[in-house]
PDB file of N, CA and C in Angstrom:
ATOM      1  N   MET A   1      -6.007   7.757   9.727  1.00  0.00           N
ATOM      2  CA  MET A   1      -6.596   6.462   9.502  1.00  0.00           C
ATOM      3  C   MET A   1      -6.019   5.426  10.468  1.00  0.00           C
ATOM      4  N   HIS A   2      -4.704   5.516  10.731  1.00  0.00           N
ATOM      5  CA  HIS A   2      -4.094   4.509  11.577  1.00  0.00           C
ATOM      6  C   HIS A   2      -4.559   4.606  13.020  1.00  0.00           C
ATOM      7  N   CYS A   3      -4.977   5.784  13.440  1.00  0.00           N
ATOM      8  CA  CYS A   3      -5.488   5.927  14.808  1.00  0.00           C
ATOM      9  C   CYS A   3      -6.751   5.102  14.987  1.00  0.00           C
ATOM     10  N   ARG A   4      -7.481   4.902  13.913  1.00  0.00           N
ATOM     11  CA  ARG A   4      -8.701   4.113  13.973  1.00  0.00           C
ATOM     12  C   ARG A   4      -8.408   2.674  14.386  1.00  0.00           C
ATOM     13  N   LEU A   5      -7.215   2.196  14.093  1.00  0.00           N
ATOM     14  CA  LEU A   5      -6.855   0.817  14.408  1.00  0.00           C
ATOM     15  C   LEU A   5      -6.496   0.637  15.881  1.00  0.00           C
ATOM     16  N   ALA A   6      -6.405   1.720  16.633  1.00  0.00           N
ATOM     17  CA  ALA A   6      -6.055   1.633  18.041  1.00  0.00           C
ATOM     18  C   ALA A   6      -7.171   0.983  18.857  1.00  0.00           C
ATOM     19  N   ARG A   7      -8.391   1.099  18.410  1.00  0.00           N
ATOM     20  CA  ARG A   7      -9.544   0.489  19.077  1.00  0.00           C
ATOM     21  C   ARG A   7     -10.293  -0.365  18.076  1.00  0.00           C
ATOM     22  N   ASP A   8     -11.001  -1.343  18.564  1.00  0.00           N
ATOM     23  CA  ASP A   8     -11.771  -2.208  17.681  1.00  0.00           C
ATOM     24  C   ASP A   8     -13.230  -1.747  17.686  1.00  0.00           C
ATOM     25  N   TYR A   9     -13.557  -0.850  16.757  1.00  0.00           N
ATOM     26  CA  TYR A   9     -14.907  -0.323  16.666  1.00  0.00           C
ATOM     27  C   TYR A   9     -15.789  -1.152  15.733  1.00  0.00           C
ATOM     28  N   GLU A  10     -15.180  -2.003  14.956  1.00  0.00           N
ATOM     29  CA  GLU A  10     -15.928  -2.737  13.936  1.00  0.00           C
ATOM     30  C   GLU A  10     -16.613  -3.956  14.540  1.00  0.00           C
ATOM     31  N   THR A  11     -17.805  -4.253  14.040  1.00  0.00           N
ATOM     32  CA  THR A  11     -18.535  -5.420  14.527  1.00  0.00           C
ATOM     33  C   THR A  11     -18.240  -6.651  13.689  1.00  0.00           C
ATOM     34  N   LYS A  12     -17.836  -6.450  12.443  1.00  0.00           N
ATOM     35  CA  LYS A  12     -17.528  -7.576  11.562  1.00  0.00           C
ATOM     36  C   LYS A  12     -16.015  -7.745  11.458  1.00  0.00           C
ATOM     37  N   PRO A  13     -15.521  -8.953  11.734  1.00  0.00           N
ATOM     38  CA  PRO A  13     -14.075  -9.184  11.642  1.00  0.00           C
ATOM     39  C   PRO A  13     -13.520  -8.900  10.252  1.00  0.00           C
ATOM     40  N   GLU A  14     -14.314  -9.149   9.220  1.00  0.00           N
ATOM     41  CA  GLU A  14     -13.844  -8.914   7.852  1.00  0.00           C
ATOM     42  C   GLU A  14     -13.521  -7.443   7.632  1.00  0.00           C
ATOM     43  N   HIS A  15     -14.311  -6.572   8.221  1.00  0.00           N
ATOM     44  CA  HIS A  15     -14.078  -5.138   8.051  1.00  0.00           C
ATOM     45  C   HIS A  15     -12.811  -4.713   8.782  1.00  0.00           C
ATOM     46  N   SER A  16     -12.593  -5.262   9.971  1.00  0.00           N
ATOM     47  CA  SER A  16     -11.364  -4.960  10.713  1.00  0.00           C
ATOM     48  C   SER A  16     -10.142  -5.420   9.929  1.00  0.00           C
ATOM     49  N   GLU A  17     -10.220  -6.615   9.349  1.00  0.00           N
ATOM     50  CA  GLU A  17      -9.110  -7.130   8.555  1.00  0.00           C
ATOM     51  C   GLU A  17      -8.840  -6.233   7.360  1.00  0.00           C
ATOM     52  N   SER A  18      -9.898  -5.758   6.727  1.00  0.00           N
ATOM     53  CA  SER A  18      -9.741  -4.870   5.569  1.00  0.00           C
ATOM     54  C   SER A  18      -9.067  -3.569   5.967  1.00  0.00           C
ATOM     55  N   MET A  19      -9.450  -3.000   7.110  1.00  0.00           N
ATOM     56  CA  MET A  19      -8.857  -1.744   7.561  1.00  0.00           C
ATOM     57  C   MET A  19      -7.368  -1.934   7.861  1.00  0.00           C
ATOM     58  N   ILE A  20      -7.009  -3.070   8.438  1.00  0.00           N
ATOM     59  CA  ILE A  20      -5.604  -3.349   8.725  1.00  0.00           C
ATOM     60  C   ILE A  20      -4.816  -3.485   7.429  1.00  0.00           C
ATOM     61  N   ARG A  21      -5.394  -4.174   6.448  1.00  0.00           N
ATOM     62  CA  ARG A  21      -4.719  -4.325   5.148  1.00  0.00           C
ATOM     63  C   ARG A  21      -4.529  -2.974   4.463  1.00  0.00           C
ATOM     64  N   ILE A  22      -5.552  -2.136   4.498  1.00  0.00           N
ATOM     65  CA  ILE A  22      -5.461  -0.809   3.875  1.00  0.00           C
ATOM     66  C   ILE A  22      -4.365   0.014   4.558  1.00  0.00           C
ATOM     67  N   ALA A  23      -4.315  -0.039   5.879  1.00  0.00           N
ATOM     68  CA  ALA A  23      -3.296   0.705   6.618  1.00  0.00           C
ATOM     69  C   ALA A  23      -1.897   0.191   6.277  1.00  0.00           C
ATOM     70  N   ALA A  24      -1.756  -1.122   6.164  1.00  0.00           N
ATOM     71  CA  ALA A  24      -0.447  -1.700   5.832  1.00  0.00           C
ATOM     72  C   ALA A  24      -0.026  -1.304   4.425  1.00  0.00           C
ATOM     73  N   ILE A  25      -0.948  -1.357   3.478  1.00  0.00           N
ATOM     74  CA  ILE A  25      -0.639  -0.951   2.105  1.00  0.00           C
ATOM     75  C   ILE A  25      -0.242   0.515   2.063  1.00  0.00           C
ATOM     76  N   SER A  26      -0.966   1.336   2.794  1.00  0.00           N
ATOM     77  CA  SER A  26      -0.668   2.769   2.840  1.00  0.00           C
ATOM     78  C   SER A  26       0.732   3.015   3.406  1.00  0.00           C
ATOM     79  N   THR A  27       1.058   2.330   4.490  1.00  0.00           N
ATOM     80  CA  THR A  27       2.368   2.495   5.113  1.00  0.00           C
ATOM     81  C   THR A  27       3.487   2.043   4.184  1.00  0.00           C
ATOM     82  N   LEU A  28       3.314   0.885   3.561  1.00  0.00           N
ATOM     83  CA  LEU A  28       4.350   0.373   2.662  1.00  0.00           C
ATOM     84  C   LEU A  28       4.525   1.264   1.436  1.00  0.00           C
ATOM     85  N   THR A  29       3.427   1.804   0.932  1.00  0.00           N
ATOM     86  CA  THR A  29       3.506   2.702  -0.216  1.00  0.00           C
ATOM     87  C   THR A  29       4.270   3.964   0.143  1.00  0.00           C
ATOM     88  N   LYS A  30       3.989   4.517   1.306  1.00  0.00           N
ATOM     89  CA  LYS A  30       4.684   5.729   1.739  1.00  0.00           C
ATOM     90  C   LYS A  30       6.169   5.463   1.948  1.00  0.00           C
ATOM     91  N   ARG A  31       6.500   4.293   2.475  1.00  0.00           N
ATOM     92  CA  ARG A  31       7.914   3.952   2.663  1.00  0.00           C
ATOM     93  C   ARG A  31       8.609   3.782   1.324  1.00  0.00           C
ATOM     94  N   ALA A  32       7.936   3.145   0.387  1.00  0.00           N
ATOM     95  CA  ALA A  32       8.537   2.889  -0.925  1.00  0.00           C
ATOM     96  C   ALA A  32       8.765   4.173  -1.708  1.00  0.00           C
ATOM     97  N   THR A  33       7.905   5.161  -1.504  1.00  0.00           N
ATOM     98  CA  THR A  33       8.028   6.419  -2.242  1.00  0.00           C
ATOM     99  C   THR A  33       8.740   7.497  -1.432  1.00  0.00           C
ATOM    100  N   ASN A  34       9.202   7.140  -0.236  1.00  0.00           N
ATOM    101  CA  ASN A  34       9.870   8.089   0.663  1.00  0.00           C
ATOM    102  C   ASN A  34       9.004   9.307   0.968  1.00  0.00           C
ATOM    103  N   GLU A  35       7.711   9.115   0.991  1.00  0.00           N
ATOM    104  CA  GLU A  35       6.792  10.204   1.316  1.00  0.00           C
ATOM    105  C   GLU A  35       6.789  10.400   2.827  1.00  0.00           C
ATOM    106  N   THR A  36       6.952  11.636   3.234  1.00  0.00           N
ATOM    107  CA  THR A  36       6.921  11.909   4.666  1.00  0.00           C
ATOM    108  C   THR A  36       5.494  12.211   5.078  1.00  0.00           C
ATOM    109  N   THR A  37       5.151  11.791   6.264  1.00  0.00           N
ATOM    110  CA  THR A  37       3.812  12.045   6.785  1.00  0.00           C
ATOM    111  C   THR A  37       3.931  12.940   8.003  1.00  0.00           C
ATOM    112  N   SER A  38       2.953  13.752   8.200  1.00  0.00           N
ATOM    113  CA  SER A  38       2.948  14.586   9.383  1.00  0.00           C
ATOM    114  C   SER A  38       2.376  13.774  10.538  1.00  0.00           C
ATOM    115  N   THR A  39       3.022  13.903  11.674  1.00  0.00           N
ATOM    116  CA  THR A  39       2.559  13.201  12.858  1.00  0.00           C
ATOM    117  C   THR A  39       2.089  14.221  13.874  1.00  0.00           C
ATOM    118  N   ARG A  40       1.555  13.752  14.936  1.00  0.00           N
ATOM    119  CA  ARG A  40       1.094  14.669  15.984  1.00  0.00           C
ATOM    120  C   ARG A  40       2.272  15.463  16.550  1.00  0.00           C
ATOM    121  N   ARG A  41       3.431  14.844  16.586  1.00  0.00           N
ATOM    122  CA  ARG A  41       4.618  15.526  17.121  1.00  0.00           C
ATOM    123  C   ARG A  41       5.067  16.668  16.207  1.00  0.00           C
ATOM    124  N   ASP A  42       4.824  16.534  14.896  1.00  0.00           N
ATOM    125  CA  ASP A  42       5.237  17.574  13.958  1.00  0.00           C
ATOM    126  C   ASP A  42       4.337  18.800  14.033  1.00  0.00           C
ATOM    127  N   ALA A  43       3.120  18.604  14.454  1.00  0.00           N
ATOM    128  CA  ALA A  43       2.146  19.712  14.462  1.00  0.00           C
ATOM    129  C   ALA A  43       2.409  20.696  15.569  1.00  0.00           C
TER     130      ALA A  43
END
């Protein structure tokens, strides 16, 4: 999901803002729960 934020594909600014908020919430939740995520380097 976060790779999607690397480019601005959205035509509506509200949708881009929502995607950024969702990504931030996801990141903070994973940090708070110490959940590890697989990255491209791990694969």
